Amino acid sequence: MIKKRKPGLTLGVTGGIGSGKTSVCRVFDVLGVPVFSADREAQEIMKTDNVIIGKINSIVGKDLYINGSLNKKELATIIFNDSTLLEKVNSVVHPAVFDRFRKWVSEQTTPYVIMEAAILFESGASKYVDKIATVIAPVEQRVERVILRNKLSREEVLERMRNQMDDTTRIKLSDFIISNSENDMIIPAILKIHHDILKFINT
């Protein structure tokens, strides 16, 4: 049974690294649907929240803010090679993100809103949304996109993929699937989801 809440419905948009979640959410934004980026909020919290900063340094056992800003590359290298540290950092950052999300939702007035999150299921964020759309793309295309975007090596990208849920599992847990390979047209798929959600809300 779907949960009802004001302002309406919350759609979670997720997908593995390089799948194209942000591109999909840009289309929803053009349609007038507010988008909360959990990943962007997490980055902001890790840069500005002094309590969180102290906890992160304590977890990794060193100061990652020597120059006054977070050394994101070093943090990623540390946590993506140690699942225990990754879980500890996430357990500190995610509750703060969820607090911001709940406050943000309460301020929206549109029929539905979106939470964009790479690890929607793994973080526990899925319990804050009513419906879920997963963005998928072929692994090789995802690897190429991330190498170009983040200037990472192939092995670094694959390591991050291994730390995320696989597409097969995500698909089983999702209400909508958006295929975002180079040969796919994502706009018609997004428009259909948008229409279906509005229709559901208005029935």
N, C-alpha and C. Protein backbone atom coordinates (compact mmCIF):
# COMPACT_ATOMS: atom_id res chain seq x y z
N MET A 1 0.86 -1.20 0.00
CA MET A 1 0.00 0.00 0.00
C MET A 1 0.89 1.24 0.00
N ILE A 2 0.69 2.11 -0.95
CA ILE A 2 1.55 3.30 -1.05
C ILE A 2 1.23 4.28 0.06
N LYS A 3 2.29 4.90 0.59
CA LYS A 3 2.12 5.88 1.66
C LYS A 3 1.71 7.21 1.05
N LYS A 4 0.78 7.86 1.68
CA LYS A 4 0.36 9.20 1.23
C LYS A 4 0.98 10.24 2.16
N ARG A 5 1.48 11.31 1.61
CA ARG A 5 2.01 12.38 2.44
C ARG A 5 1.88 13.71 1.71
N LYS A 6 1.81 14.77 2.46
CA LYS A 6 1.83 16.10 1.87
C LYS A 6 3.29 16.46 1.63
N PRO A 7 3.66 17.09 0.52
CA PRO A 7 2.80 17.66 -0.50
C PRO A 7 2.19 16.66 -1.46
N GLY A 8 2.57 15.43 -1.37
CA GLY A 8 2.02 14.44 -2.28
C GLY A 8 2.85 13.20 -2.21
N LEU A 9 3.54 12.92 -3.28
CA LEU A 9 4.28 11.67 -3.40
C LEU A 9 5.76 11.97 -3.56
N THR A 10 6.59 11.06 -3.05
CA THR A 10 8.03 11.20 -3.20
C THR A 10 8.56 10.06 -4.06
N LEU A 11 9.26 10.42 -5.14
CA LEU A 11 9.86 9.44 -6.05
C LEU A 11 11.36 9.39 -5.80
N GLY A 12 11.87 8.20 -5.55
CA GLY A 12 13.30 8.02 -5.44
C GLY A 12 13.88 7.68 -6.80
N VAL A 13 14.94 8.36 -7.21
CA VAL A 13 15.62 8.04 -8.46
C VAL A 13 17.03 7.56 -8.11
N THR A 14 17.34 6.34 -8.52
CA THR A 14 18.63 5.75 -8.18
C THR A 14 19.23 5.05 -9.39
N GLY A 15 20.41 4.52 -9.20
CA GLY A 15 21.12 3.83 -10.27
C GLY A 15 22.59 3.81 -9.96
N GLY A 16 23.31 2.88 -10.54
CA GLY A 16 24.73 2.76 -10.27
C GLY A 16 25.52 3.95 -10.79
N ILE A 17 26.75 4.07 -10.34
CA ILE A 17 27.63 5.15 -10.78
C ILE A 17 27.76 5.14 -12.31
N GLY A 18 27.57 6.30 -12.92
CA GLY A 18 27.66 6.41 -14.37
C GLY A 18 26.41 6.03 -15.13
N SER A 19 25.33 5.72 -14.42
CA SER A 19 24.10 5.30 -15.11
C SER A 19 23.36 6.48 -15.75
N GLY A 20 23.56 7.69 -15.21
CA GLY A 20 22.91 8.86 -15.77
C GLY A 20 21.76 9.40 -14.95
N LYS A 21 21.80 9.16 -13.63
CA LYS A 21 20.73 9.65 -12.74
C LYS A 21 20.54 11.16 -12.86
N THR A 22 21.66 11.88 -12.87
CA THR A 22 21.59 13.34 -12.89
C THR A 22 20.95 13.85 -14.17
N SER A 23 21.27 13.22 -15.29
CA SER A 23 20.64 13.61 -16.57
C SER A 23 19.14 13.38 -16.53
N VAL A 24 18.74 12.25 -15.96
CA VAL A 24 17.31 11.95 -15.82
C VAL A 24 16.63 13.00 -14.94
N CYS A 25 17.27 13.35 -13.83
CA CYS A 25 16.67 14.30 -12.91
C CYS A 25 16.59 15.70 -13.49
N ARG A 26 17.51 16.03 -14.39
CA ARG A 26 17.43 17.34 -15.07
C ARG A 26 16.13 17.44 -15.88
N VAL A 27 15.73 16.34 -16.50
CA VAL A 27 14.49 16.34 -17.27
C VAL A 27 13.29 16.53 -16.34
N PHE A 28 13.28 15.81 -15.21
CA PHE A 28 12.21 15.99 -14.24
C PHE A 28 12.17 17.45 -13.75
N ASP A 29 13.33 18.04 -13.55
CA ASP A 29 13.42 19.43 -13.10
C ASP A 29 12.77 20.37 -14.12
N VAL A 30 13.03 20.11 -15.41
CA VAL A 30 12.41 20.91 -16.48
C VAL A 30 10.89 20.76 -16.44
N LEU A 31 10.41 19.60 -16.03
CA LEU A 31 8.97 19.35 -15.92
C LEU A 31 8.36 20.00 -14.68
N GLY A 32 9.21 20.65 -13.88
CA GLY A 32 8.71 21.34 -12.70
C GLY A 32 8.69 20.51 -11.44
N VAL A 33 9.40 19.39 -11.45
CA VAL A 33 9.45 18.51 -10.27
C VAL A 33 10.72 18.84 -9.47
N PRO A 34 10.59 19.29 -8.22
CA PRO A 34 11.77 19.60 -7.41
C PRO A 34 12.61 18.35 -7.15
N VAL A 35 13.93 18.49 -7.22
CA VAL A 35 14.84 17.36 -7.04
C VAL A 35 15.78 17.63 -5.87
N PHE A 36 15.82 16.72 -4.93
CA PHE A 36 16.76 16.77 -3.81
C PHE A 36 17.88 15.77 -4.11
N SER A 37 19.09 16.27 -4.27
CA SER A 37 20.23 15.40 -4.55
C SER A 37 20.88 14.98 -3.23
N ALA A 38 20.66 13.73 -2.85
CA ALA A 38 21.24 13.23 -1.58
C ALA A 38 22.76 13.25 -1.65
N ASP A 39 23.32 12.92 -2.81
CA ASP A 39 24.78 12.89 -2.96
C ASP A 39 25.37 14.29 -2.80
N ARG A 40 24.72 15.29 -3.42
CA ARG A 40 25.21 16.67 -3.32
C ARG A 40 25.09 17.18 -1.88
N GLU A 41 23.99 16.84 -1.21
CA GLU A 41 23.81 17.26 0.18
C GLU A 41 24.85 16.61 1.08
N ALA A 42 25.15 15.34 0.81
CA ALA A 42 26.17 14.64 1.60
C ALA A 42 27.52 15.33 1.46
N GLN A 43 27.86 15.73 0.22
CA GLN A 43 29.12 16.44 -0.01
C GLN A 43 29.14 17.76 0.76
N GLU A 44 28.02 18.48 0.73
CA GLU A 44 27.92 19.76 1.41
C GLU A 44 28.10 19.59 2.92
N ILE A 45 27.44 18.57 3.47
CA ILE A 45 27.54 18.30 4.91
C ILE A 45 28.98 17.97 5.30
N MET A 46 29.64 17.17 4.49
CA MET A 46 31.02 16.78 4.81
C MET A 46 32.00 17.95 4.68
N LYS A 47 31.58 18.99 3.96
CA LYS A 47 32.44 20.18 3.80
C LYS A 47 32.23 21.20 4.91
N THR A 48 30.99 21.29 5.45
CA THR A 48 30.63 22.42 6.30
C THR A 48 30.22 22.10 7.73
N ASP A 49 29.81 20.86 8.00
CA ASP A 49 29.33 20.50 9.34
C ASP A 49 30.51 20.08 10.22
N ASN A 50 30.86 20.93 11.18
CA ASN A 50 32.05 20.67 11.99
C ASN A 50 31.97 19.38 12.81
N VAL A 51 30.78 19.03 13.25
CA VAL A 51 30.61 17.78 13.99
C VAL A 51 30.89 16.58 13.08
N ILE A 52 30.32 16.63 11.88
CA ILE A 52 30.54 15.55 10.91
C ILE A 52 32.01 15.48 10.52
N ILE A 53 32.63 16.64 10.29
CA ILE A 53 34.05 16.69 9.92
C ILE A 53 34.90 15.99 10.98
N GLY A 54 34.64 16.29 12.25
CA GLY A 54 35.38 15.67 13.33
C GLY A 54 35.20 14.16 13.36
N LYS A 55 33.98 13.72 13.12
CA LYS A 55 33.70 12.28 13.14
C LYS A 55 34.39 11.56 11.98
N ILE A 56 34.40 12.19 10.79
CA ILE A 56 35.04 11.58 9.64
C ILE A 56 36.54 11.43 9.88
N ASN A 57 37.17 12.48 10.40
CA ASN A 57 38.60 12.41 10.70
C ASN A 57 38.90 11.32 11.71
N SER A 58 38.01 11.19 12.69
CA SER A 58 38.19 10.17 13.73
C SER A 58 38.08 8.77 13.13
N ILE A 59 37.12 8.57 12.23
CA ILE A 59 36.90 7.26 11.62
C ILE A 59 38.09 6.82 10.77
N VAL A 60 38.59 7.74 9.95
CA VAL A 60 39.69 7.37 9.04
C VAL A 60 41.06 7.46 9.72
N GLY A 61 41.10 8.10 10.89
CA GLY A 61 42.34 8.14 11.63
C GLY A 61 43.35 9.16 11.13
N LYS A 62 42.88 10.18 10.42
CA LYS A 62 43.79 11.23 9.95
C LYS A 62 42.98 12.47 9.58
N ASP A 63 43.66 13.59 9.44
CA ASP A 63 42.98 14.84 9.08
C ASP A 63 42.88 14.96 7.56
N LEU A 64 41.64 14.89 7.06
CA LEU A 64 41.41 15.00 5.62
C LEU A 64 41.09 16.44 5.20
N TYR A 65 41.24 17.37 6.15
CA TYR A 65 40.90 18.77 5.89
C TYR A 65 42.10 19.69 6.13
N ILE A 66 43.29 19.20 5.84
CA ILE A 66 44.52 19.93 6.13
C ILE A 66 44.53 21.32 5.49
N ASN A 67 44.05 21.41 4.27
CA ASN A 67 44.04 22.70 3.56
C ASN A 67 42.73 23.47 3.73
N GLY A 68 41.94 23.03 4.70
CA GLY A 68 40.69 23.73 4.97
C GLY A 68 39.49 23.19 4.21
N SER A 69 39.74 22.28 3.29
CA SER A 69 38.63 21.66 2.55
C SER A 69 38.87 20.16 2.48
N LEU A 70 37.79 19.41 2.31
CA LEU A 70 37.87 17.96 2.30
C LEU A 70 38.67 17.46 1.10
N ASN A 71 39.61 16.58 1.36
CA ASN A 71 40.35 15.91 0.30
C ASN A 71 39.49 14.72 -0.17
N LYS A 72 38.58 15.00 -1.10
CA LYS A 72 37.60 13.98 -1.53
C LYS A 72 38.26 12.76 -2.14
N LYS A 73 39.32 12.98 -2.91
CA LYS A 73 39.98 11.87 -3.58
C LYS A 73 40.61 10.91 -2.57
N GLU A 74 41.22 11.48 -1.54
CA GLU A 74 41.84 10.62 -0.52
C GLU A 74 40.77 9.88 0.29
N LEU A 75 39.69 10.58 0.63
CA LEU A 75 38.61 9.93 1.36
C LEU A 75 38.05 8.77 0.55
N ALA A 76 37.80 9.01 -0.75
CA ALA A 76 37.26 7.95 -1.62
C ALA A 76 38.21 6.77 -1.69
N THR A 77 39.51 7.04 -1.81
CA THR A 77 40.49 5.96 -1.88
C THR A 77 40.46 5.12 -0.61
N ILE A 78 40.33 5.79 0.53
CA ILE A 78 40.32 5.08 1.81
C ILE A 78 39.07 4.23 1.98
N ILE A 79 37.89 4.85 1.79
CA ILE A 79 36.65 4.13 2.13
C ILE A 79 36.22 3.13 1.08
N PHE A 80 36.55 3.37 -0.19
CA PHE A 80 36.14 2.41 -1.20
C PHE A 80 37.04 1.19 -1.23
N ASN A 81 38.11 1.21 -0.45
CA ASN A 81 38.97 0.03 -0.31
C ASN A 81 38.80 -0.63 1.05
N ASP A 82 37.87 -0.14 1.84
CA ASP A 82 37.63 -0.69 3.18
C ASP A 82 36.15 -0.56 3.49
N SER A 83 35.41 -1.65 3.32
CA SER A 83 33.95 -1.61 3.47
C SER A 83 33.52 -1.23 4.89
N THR A 84 34.34 -1.59 5.88
CA THR A 84 33.99 -1.24 7.27
C THR A 84 34.04 0.27 7.48
N LEU A 85 35.11 0.91 6.96
CA LEU A 85 35.21 2.37 7.08
C LEU A 85 34.12 3.06 6.27
N LEU A 86 33.80 2.50 5.10
CA LEU A 86 32.72 3.05 4.27
C LEU A 86 31.41 3.07 5.04
N GLU A 87 31.10 1.95 5.70
CA GLU A 87 29.86 1.86 6.47
C GLU A 87 29.85 2.86 7.63
N LYS A 88 31.01 3.03 8.27
CA LYS A 88 31.09 3.96 9.41
C LYS A 88 30.87 5.41 8.96
N VAL A 89 31.51 5.78 7.85
CA VAL A 89 31.32 7.14 7.34
C VAL A 89 29.87 7.36 6.93
N ASN A 90 29.29 6.37 6.25
CA ASN A 90 27.89 6.48 5.83
C ASN A 90 26.95 6.60 7.04
N SER A 91 27.27 5.88 8.11
CA SER A 91 26.39 5.91 9.29
C SER A 91 26.40 7.27 9.97
N VAL A 92 27.43 8.06 9.71
CA VAL A 92 27.52 9.42 10.24
C VAL A 92 26.83 10.42 9.31
N VAL A 93 27.06 10.26 8.01
CA VAL A 93 26.59 11.25 7.04
C VAL A 93 25.11 11.07 6.69
N HIS A 94 24.66 9.83 6.51
CA HIS A 94 23.30 9.59 6.01
C HIS A 94 22.20 10.15 6.92
N PRO A 95 22.26 9.97 8.25
CA PRO A 95 21.19 10.55 9.08
C PRO A 95 21.08 12.07 8.91
N ALA A 96 22.22 12.74 8.75
CA ALA A 96 22.19 14.20 8.55
C ALA A 96 21.53 14.55 7.22
N VAL A 97 21.80 13.75 6.19
CA VAL A 97 21.17 13.98 4.88
C VAL A 97 19.66 13.78 4.99
N PHE A 98 19.25 12.72 5.67
CA PHE A 98 17.82 12.43 5.80
C PHE A 98 17.10 13.53 6.56
N ASP A 99 17.75 14.11 7.56
CA ASP A 99 17.15 15.23 8.30
C ASP A 99 16.90 16.42 7.36
N ARG A 100 17.89 16.70 6.52
CA ARG A 100 17.73 17.81 5.55
C ARG A 100 16.62 17.50 4.55
N PHE A 101 16.55 16.23 4.16
CA PHE A 101 15.53 15.84 3.18
C PHE A 101 14.13 16.03 3.74
N ARG A 102 13.91 15.58 4.98
CA ARG A 102 12.58 15.72 5.58
C ARG A 102 12.18 17.19 5.69
N LYS A 103 13.12 18.03 6.07
CA LYS A 103 12.84 19.47 6.17
C LYS A 103 12.53 20.03 4.78
N TRP A 104 13.31 19.64 3.79
CA TRP A 104 13.12 20.11 2.41
C TRP A 104 11.75 19.70 1.88
N VAL A 105 11.35 18.44 2.11
CA VAL A 105 10.05 17.95 1.63
C VAL A 105 8.92 18.78 2.23
N SER A 106 9.04 19.12 3.50
CA SER A 106 7.97 19.87 4.17
C SER A 106 7.78 21.27 3.58
N GLU A 107 8.80 21.74 2.85
CA GLU A 107 8.73 23.09 2.26
C GLU A 107 8.22 23.09 0.82
N GLN A 108 8.03 21.90 0.23
CA GLN A 108 7.61 21.81 -1.17
C GLN A 108 6.09 21.82 -1.29
N THR A 109 5.60 22.28 -2.44
CA THR A 109 4.16 22.37 -2.65
C THR A 109 3.70 21.68 -3.94
N THR A 110 4.61 21.03 -4.64
CA THR A 110 4.28 20.38 -5.91
C THR A 110 3.61 19.03 -5.67
N PRO A 111 2.92 18.48 -6.70
CA PRO A 111 2.25 17.19 -6.53
C PRO A 111 3.19 16.06 -6.08
N TYR A 112 4.42 16.09 -6.59
CA TYR A 112 5.40 15.12 -6.10
C TYR A 112 6.80 15.70 -6.20
N VAL A 113 7.71 15.10 -5.45
CA VAL A 113 9.11 15.54 -5.41
C VAL A 113 10.01 14.32 -5.61
N ILE A 114 11.29 14.60 -5.83
CA ILE A 114 12.24 13.52 -6.12
C ILE A 114 13.42 13.56 -5.15
N MET A 115 13.82 12.39 -4.69
CA MET A 115 15.12 12.24 -4.02
C MET A 115 16.02 11.46 -4.97
N GLU A 116 17.10 12.10 -5.39
CA GLU A 116 18.10 11.43 -6.24
C GLU A 116 19.20 10.91 -5.33
N ALA A 117 19.44 9.59 -5.37
CA ALA A 117 20.45 9.00 -4.49
C ALA A 117 21.09 7.78 -5.14
N ALA A 118 22.41 7.78 -5.20
CA ALA A 118 23.13 6.66 -5.81
C ALA A 118 22.92 5.38 -5.00
N ILE A 119 22.93 5.51 -3.67
CA ILE A 119 22.78 4.32 -2.83
C ILE A 119 21.46 4.41 -2.05
N LEU A 120 20.38 4.58 -2.79
CA LEU A 120 19.05 4.74 -2.19
C LEU A 120 18.70 3.56 -1.28
N PHE A 121 18.97 2.35 -1.76
CA PHE A 121 18.63 1.15 -0.98
C PHE A 121 19.65 0.90 0.13
N GLU A 122 20.93 0.99 -0.23
CA GLU A 122 21.99 0.67 0.72
C GLU A 122 22.00 1.61 1.92
N SER A 123 21.62 2.87 1.70
CA SER A 123 21.68 3.88 2.77
C SER A 123 20.44 3.85 3.67
N GLY A 124 19.39 3.18 3.23
CA GLY A 124 18.13 3.21 3.98
C GLY A 124 17.22 4.33 3.54
N ALA A 125 17.64 5.10 2.52
CA ALA A 125 16.83 6.23 2.04
C ALA A 125 15.53 5.77 1.39
N SER A 126 15.49 4.51 0.95
CA SER A 126 14.28 4.01 0.26
C SER A 126 13.05 4.07 1.14
N LYS A 127 13.24 4.08 2.47
CA LYS A 127 12.07 4.14 3.36
C LYS A 127 11.45 5.53 3.41
N TYR A 128 12.14 6.51 2.82
CA TYR A 128 11.61 7.88 2.81
C TYR A 128 10.91 8.22 1.50
N VAL A 129 10.81 7.27 0.58
CA VAL A 129 10.16 7.52 -0.70
C VAL A 129 8.99 6.56 -0.90
N ASP A 130 8.07 6.96 -1.80
CA ASP A 130 6.88 6.16 -2.05
C ASP A 130 7.02 5.26 -3.27
N LYS A 131 7.71 5.76 -4.27
CA LYS A 131 7.95 5.00 -5.50
C LYS A 131 9.43 5.13 -5.87
N ILE A 132 9.93 4.17 -6.63
CA ILE A 132 11.35 4.18 -6.98
C ILE A 132 11.55 3.95 -8.47
N ALA A 133 12.38 4.80 -9.08
CA ALA A 133 12.77 4.63 -10.47
C ALA A 133 14.28 4.36 -10.51
N THR A 134 14.67 3.28 -11.17
CA THR A 134 16.08 2.94 -11.31
C THR A 134 16.55 3.22 -12.73
N VAL A 135 17.69 3.91 -12.83
CA VAL A 135 18.29 4.21 -14.12
C VAL A 135 19.37 3.16 -14.39
N ILE A 136 19.31 2.53 -15.55
CA ILE A 136 20.30 1.51 -15.88
C ILE A 136 21.01 1.85 -17.19
N ALA A 137 22.20 1.32 -17.35
CA ALA A 137 22.98 1.49 -18.58
C ALA A 137 24.01 0.38 -18.63
N PRO A 138 24.48 0.00 -19.81
CA PRO A 138 25.50 -1.05 -19.92
C PRO A 138 26.76 -0.68 -19.13
N VAL A 139 27.36 -1.69 -18.51
CA VAL A 139 28.52 -1.46 -17.63
C VAL A 139 29.64 -0.70 -18.35
N GLU A 140 29.96 -1.11 -19.57
CA GLU A 140 31.07 -0.47 -20.27
C GLU A 140 30.81 1.02 -20.53
N GLN A 141 29.56 1.35 -20.86
CA GLN A 141 29.22 2.76 -21.07
C GLN A 141 29.32 3.54 -19.76
N ARG A 142 28.91 2.91 -18.66
CA ARG A 142 29.01 3.56 -17.36
C ARG A 142 30.47 3.81 -16.99
N VAL A 143 31.32 2.81 -17.22
CA VAL A 143 32.74 2.95 -16.91
C VAL A 143 33.35 4.11 -17.70
N GLU A 144 33.04 4.16 -19.00
CA GLU A 144 33.58 5.22 -19.85
C GLU A 144 33.13 6.60 -19.37
N ARG A 145 31.84 6.71 -19.01
CA ARG A 145 31.32 8.00 -18.55
C ARG A 145 32.05 8.48 -17.29
N VAL A 146 32.26 7.56 -16.34
CA VAL A 146 32.87 7.96 -15.08
C VAL A 146 34.35 8.28 -15.25
N ILE A 147 35.04 7.53 -16.09
CA ILE A 147 36.45 7.82 -16.37
C ILE A 147 36.58 9.23 -16.92
N LEU A 148 35.71 9.58 -17.86
CA LEU A 148 35.75 10.92 -18.45
C LEU A 148 35.37 12.01 -17.45
N ARG A 149 34.33 11.74 -16.67
CA ARG A 149 33.78 12.75 -15.75
C ARG A 149 34.66 12.95 -14.52
N ASN A 150 35.12 11.86 -13.91
CA ASN A 150 35.81 11.94 -12.62
C ASN A 150 37.32 11.76 -12.72
N LYS A 151 37.80 11.53 -13.96
CA LYS A 151 39.24 11.33 -14.17
C LYS A 151 39.79 10.19 -13.30
N LEU A 152 39.03 9.10 -13.24
CA LEU A 152 39.44 7.92 -12.47
C LEU A 152 39.98 6.85 -13.40
N SER A 153 40.72 5.91 -12.85
CA SER A 153 41.18 4.78 -13.65
C SER A 153 40.04 3.77 -13.77
N ARG A 154 40.15 2.88 -14.72
CA ARG A 154 39.12 1.86 -14.91
C ARG A 154 38.93 1.02 -13.64
N GLU A 155 40.04 0.65 -13.00
CA GLU A 155 39.95 -0.17 -11.80
C GLU A 155 39.28 0.59 -10.65
N GLU A 156 39.54 1.89 -10.55
CA GLU A 156 38.89 2.70 -9.51
C GLU A 156 37.38 2.75 -9.72
N VAL A 157 36.96 2.86 -10.98
CA VAL A 157 35.52 2.89 -11.28
C VAL A 157 34.89 1.54 -10.94
N LEU A 158 35.55 0.46 -11.35
CA LEU A 158 35.00 -0.87 -11.08
C LEU A 158 34.92 -1.15 -9.59
N GLU A 159 35.89 -0.65 -8.83
CA GLU A 159 35.88 -0.84 -7.38
C GLU A 159 34.66 -0.14 -6.77
N ARG A 160 34.35 1.05 -7.27
CA ARG A 160 33.17 1.77 -6.75
C ARG A 160 31.88 1.04 -7.14
N MET A 161 31.86 0.48 -8.33
CA MET A 161 30.70 -0.31 -8.75
C MET A 161 30.50 -1.51 -7.83
N ARG A 162 31.59 -2.13 -7.44
CA ARG A 162 31.50 -3.31 -6.58
C ARG A 162 30.95 -2.97 -5.21
N ASN A 163 31.10 -1.70 -4.81
CA ASN A 163 30.59 -1.26 -3.51
C ASN A 163 29.12 -0.84 -3.57
N GLN A 164 28.52 -0.93 -4.77
CA GLN A 164 27.12 -0.57 -4.91
C GLN A 164 26.28 -1.81 -5.24
N MET A 165 25.00 -1.70 -4.99
CA MET A 165 24.07 -2.78 -5.33
C MET A 165 24.06 -3.01 -6.84
N ASP A 166 23.88 -4.25 -7.27
CA ASP A 166 23.85 -4.55 -8.71
C ASP A 166 22.48 -4.20 -9.30
N ASP A 167 22.47 -3.98 -10.61
CA ASP A 167 21.24 -3.56 -11.30
C ASP A 167 20.11 -4.57 -11.15
N THR A 168 20.43 -5.84 -11.20
CA THR A 168 19.39 -6.88 -11.11
C THR A 168 18.60 -6.74 -9.81
N THR A 169 19.32 -6.50 -8.71
CA THR A 169 18.65 -6.35 -7.41
C THR A 169 17.86 -5.06 -7.37
N ARG A 170 18.44 -3.97 -7.88
CA ARG A 170 17.73 -2.68 -7.90
C ARG A 170 16.42 -2.79 -8.67
N ILE A 171 16.49 -3.43 -9.83
CA ILE A 171 15.31 -3.55 -10.70
C ILE A 171 14.17 -4.26 -9.98
N LYS A 172 14.50 -5.31 -9.24
CA LYS A 172 13.47 -6.08 -8.50
C LYS A 172 12.77 -5.23 -7.45
N LEU A 173 13.49 -4.22 -6.94
CA LEU A 173 12.95 -3.39 -5.86
C LEU A 173 12.32 -2.08 -6.35
N SER A 174 12.29 -1.91 -7.68
CA SER A 174 11.86 -0.63 -8.25
C SER A 174 10.49 -0.70 -8.92
N ASP A 175 9.84 0.45 -9.01
CA ASP A 175 8.53 0.56 -9.67
C ASP A 175 8.68 0.93 -11.14
N PHE A 176 9.75 1.68 -11.46
CA PHE A 176 9.99 2.11 -12.83
C PHE A 176 11.46 1.87 -13.19
N ILE A 177 11.70 1.57 -14.47
CA ILE A 177 13.06 1.39 -14.98
C ILE A 177 13.26 2.35 -16.15
N ILE A 178 14.37 3.08 -16.12
CA ILE A 178 14.73 3.99 -17.21
C ILE A 178 16.05 3.50 -17.80
N SER A 179 16.01 3.06 -19.04
CA SER A 179 17.22 2.59 -19.70
C SER A 179 17.93 3.78 -20.35
N ASN A 180 19.20 3.96 -20.01
CA ASN A 180 19.93 5.14 -20.45
C ASN A 180 21.22 4.76 -21.19
N SER A 181 21.11 3.81 -22.11
CA SER A 181 22.26 3.49 -22.96
C SER A 181 22.34 4.55 -24.06
N GLU A 182 23.42 4.52 -24.82
CA GLU A 182 23.60 5.52 -25.88
C GLU A 182 22.53 5.41 -26.96
N ASN A 183 21.87 4.27 -27.03
CA ASN A 183 20.85 4.06 -28.06
C ASN A 183 19.43 4.33 -27.57
N ASP A 184 19.29 4.69 -26.30
CA ASP A 184 17.96 4.88 -25.73
C ASP A 184 17.54 6.34 -25.69
N MET A 185 16.24 6.56 -25.82
CA MET A 185 15.65 7.90 -25.67
C MET A 185 15.04 7.97 -24.27
N ILE A 186 15.67 8.76 -23.39
CA ILE A 186 15.18 8.77 -22.01
C ILE A 186 13.97 9.67 -21.82
N ILE A 187 13.80 10.68 -22.66
CA ILE A 187 12.71 11.64 -22.43
C ILE A 187 11.33 10.99 -22.50
N PRO A 188 11.03 10.15 -23.52
CA PRO A 188 9.71 9.50 -23.53
C PRO A 188 9.47 8.64 -22.28
N ALA A 189 10.51 7.94 -21.81
CA ALA A 189 10.35 7.11 -20.60
C ALA A 189 10.06 7.97 -19.38
N ILE A 190 10.74 9.12 -19.29
CA ILE A 190 10.52 10.02 -18.16
C ILE A 190 9.13 10.65 -18.22
N LEU A 191 8.72 11.05 -19.41
CA LEU A 191 7.38 11.64 -19.57
C LEU A 191 6.29 10.66 -19.18
N LYS A 192 6.49 9.37 -19.49
CA LYS A 192 5.49 8.36 -19.13
C LYS A 192 5.42 8.20 -17.61
N ILE A 193 6.57 8.17 -16.95
CA ILE A 193 6.59 8.07 -15.49
C ILE A 193 5.91 9.29 -14.88
N HIS A 194 6.23 10.46 -15.39
CA HIS A 194 5.63 11.71 -14.91
C HIS A 194 4.11 11.65 -15.04
N HIS A 195 3.65 11.22 -16.20
CA HIS A 195 2.21 11.11 -16.44
C HIS A 195 1.57 10.10 -15.50
N ASP A 196 2.21 8.95 -15.35
CA ASP A 196 1.65 7.88 -14.50
C ASP A 196 1.55 8.32 -13.05
N ILE A 197 2.56 9.05 -12.57
CA ILE A 197 2.54 9.50 -11.17
C ILE A 197 1.43 10.54 -10.96
N LEU A 198 1.34 11.50 -11.88
CA LEU A 198 0.28 12.51 -11.75
C LEU A 198 -1.11 11.87 -11.82
N LYS A 199 -1.24 10.89 -12.70
CA LYS A 199 -2.52 10.18 -12.80
C LYS A 199 -2.84 9.46 -11.50
N PHE A 200 -1.83 8.81 -10.91
CA PHE A 200 -2.02 8.10 -9.65
C PHE A 200 -2.43 9.07 -8.53
N ILE A 201 -1.75 10.21 -8.46
CA ILE A 201 -2.02 11.18 -7.42
C ILE A 201 -3.44 11.73 -7.54
N ASN A 202 -3.90 11.89 -8.77
CA ASN A 202 -5.20 12.52 -9.01
C ASN A 202 -6.37 11.55 -9.02
N THR A 203 -6.09 10.26 -8.83
CA THR A 203 -7.20 9.29 -8.80
C THR A 203 -7.71 9.06 -7.39
